[in-house]
Amino acid sequence: MAAETTIVVLGAGINGAAIARELTLSGVGVIVVDGDDIAAGATAWSTRLIHGGLRYLEYGEVGLVRESLVERNRLARLAPHLVRRLPFYLPVQGRWGGLWAAAARLVGCESLARAWQGRHGRGSWTVGIGLSLYDLLAAGAGWPRHRMVRAGRGCLPLIDDRAFPFAGLYDDAQLLFPERFTVELLVDARDIAAAEGTRFEVATHREVQFGHDGVLRVGPSAASGPFEVRPDAIINATGAWVDRTLAAVFSGDAGATGRRLMGGTKGSHLVVRCPSLRAALADYGVYAEAADGRPVFVLPFGPELVLVGTTDIPFSGDPAEARTDEAEIGYLLAAVARLFPTVALRRDQVQQHYCGVRPLPFVSGDARSPAGVTRRHLIVRHDDASLPLWSIVGGKLTTCRSLAETVAATVLAAVGLPVRGTSRERPLPGACGGASRDAVVSACRDLAEQAGVPRADAGTVAEQTAGLFGSRAAAVWQSGRGLAALGGPAALGCPAPLGGLIRGVGLPRAAVGFCVREEWATSLDDLMERRLMLSFHERLSRESIADVAESLVAAGGLPPDHVAAAVDGYVARLEERYGRRVPRASDGPGSAGGTN
């Protein structure tokens, strides 16, 4: 009976993917549909942290913090190739500031909290109390307890110790590429469904419409034709688009639409290429306050870049149209300058920016600041809809798995099916850490050398491939070797050697075909931004993008005569949406690294 049940999940972000995976563990058929690509919305525009939510304690969200800490610990264990512990430095200006403001927030008096906040922010006593509670809620996990220290000692971030003489040290985790995490959730769901013998499909870049006959009509994409399905239930997990999805997809079903659910805020981030700032971080994340009291993060973003975020601005337009503006860039640069006055970060050191809309619940007439709106998820049943229909409101990266477990239990109960399994102890497909990761890197190094990568480069290339694909990295190289045996890219109209590297970025060209065949990538955007993560690479060049496009030809995803237009279009997209100008390899930072 369970195998005959089909549930449609609208939205392939981290929550939709986690829900799909959880449902497959109970033996139901699942179809995931998205108007864009996997992880193309708020998932990709986050601050890229897996954390307990220290600041939520101020708003009395103790239960959410406890849930987040449990999930933080779990994800670090089940996805160690993607979720990695990150020590944090929390600078404070004095001893006593913020105690009364924190007390006011705990009882829901935000306006009073603002009045009592004071110009010195939170003091060391306030921060110490908060971190002690954080430790208590994380008890038993084996993570280090917090410490309060004087600034300017040891190998700590070079924060202005005159303005911020004290600091709290604690640990959370970083998910550098939530896009990769989301893809692996769906890869695992596909594997589970294959083992169960149940239906599982991912249909991206599709429009959908629900009809009076109970049929969901899924439109065509560039790669596949349309299809229809009569689902037993639908879960609307489209994030900041939840209300728009209800209006567009269920326009003929009055029971599916109604009160406003979403009240998202726009958050912008900067990706900075500034060696002195990266060195000043000393491999810590810095969690501080901007001059207006809003939280700001300054984080290591790989070995060379720094991630700065975020803004928190109410937004009511189409989330796809949200863009970072110069005022936000100036605000974030000023926040960095306040913390690191000796670094002298310049506007031209902002490599790029990105912006998205958080899927927060709508709260009418709320007196709280946007930062105070709950990050707890809500599961909204549309009781009068013509079939079982739920919308997911809120949530965050850290709690995607626990959200999915709750949603699956709710939906399965409604359609009369039992929960047969959960993901609580199920690693992601690429999970590897410690000795197992070392073995993956070693195997990839050997395969890279066999593919013609010079020995001097093979170690770095292997590390980068393992960093993206985890234990699946060897399959990337092996799949490329298999294609070469079939005649290679030249037989498919692509001159690029399959065993070579994408110029400048140290990844194998074979990864493109792997992502097309195994990870639902269908376009240059999908590959650059949400599979290979090259849109962030500090040495990205036009030649790099051309290599990816040519390898997409070899994988059958792009006509050979479309390569030049695809490259030009993507270069223009990077500049328009992300403010990034891409040089040719010979023109600047894109020239370093890689072999052909």
Foldseek 3Di string as FASTA:
>chain_A
DQQPAEEEEEAQELLSLLLLLLQLLQPHAYEYEYQADHNPAVLQFDPQFQALPLVLVLQVVLVSSLLSLLLQLLQCVQFVLFKDKFKEKEFFQAAAAQPVLSVCNPVPNQVVSLVRRDQRGHHPVRVVVSQVSSCVSNPPSPFDGKDKDFPPDDLAFPWPCNRGGIIIMGMTIGRLASLLVSLLSNLSSVVSCVVSVHHYYYHYSWDWAADPVQKIWIQADPVGHIDIDNHQEYEHEHFQCSQVCQCGRVVVWVLSHDDAWFWWWKKKKFKFQAQVNLSSRSRHKYWYAFSSGHIKIWHDNPNGIIMIDIDTGTDDDDQVPDADDPVGVVRRVNRVCNTVVPRPGDPVRRQWMAMGIGQFTDDPPRPHDSVNGDQDKDWAWSVRGPHTYIYIGHHDPSCSQVSSNVVSCVVCVVSVGHSNDGCSNHHRPQHDDDPRQVVQLVLQLVLLVVLPDDNVLSSVLSVLLCSQRHSCSNVLSVQLVVLVVVVALVVLVFPDGQSFPQAQQSYGLSQLLCCVVSRVDQALCCCCPRRSVVLSDQQDALSSSLSSLSSCSSNVRDPNVCSVVRSVVVQVVCCVRIVHHHHHLVPDSNVDDTDD
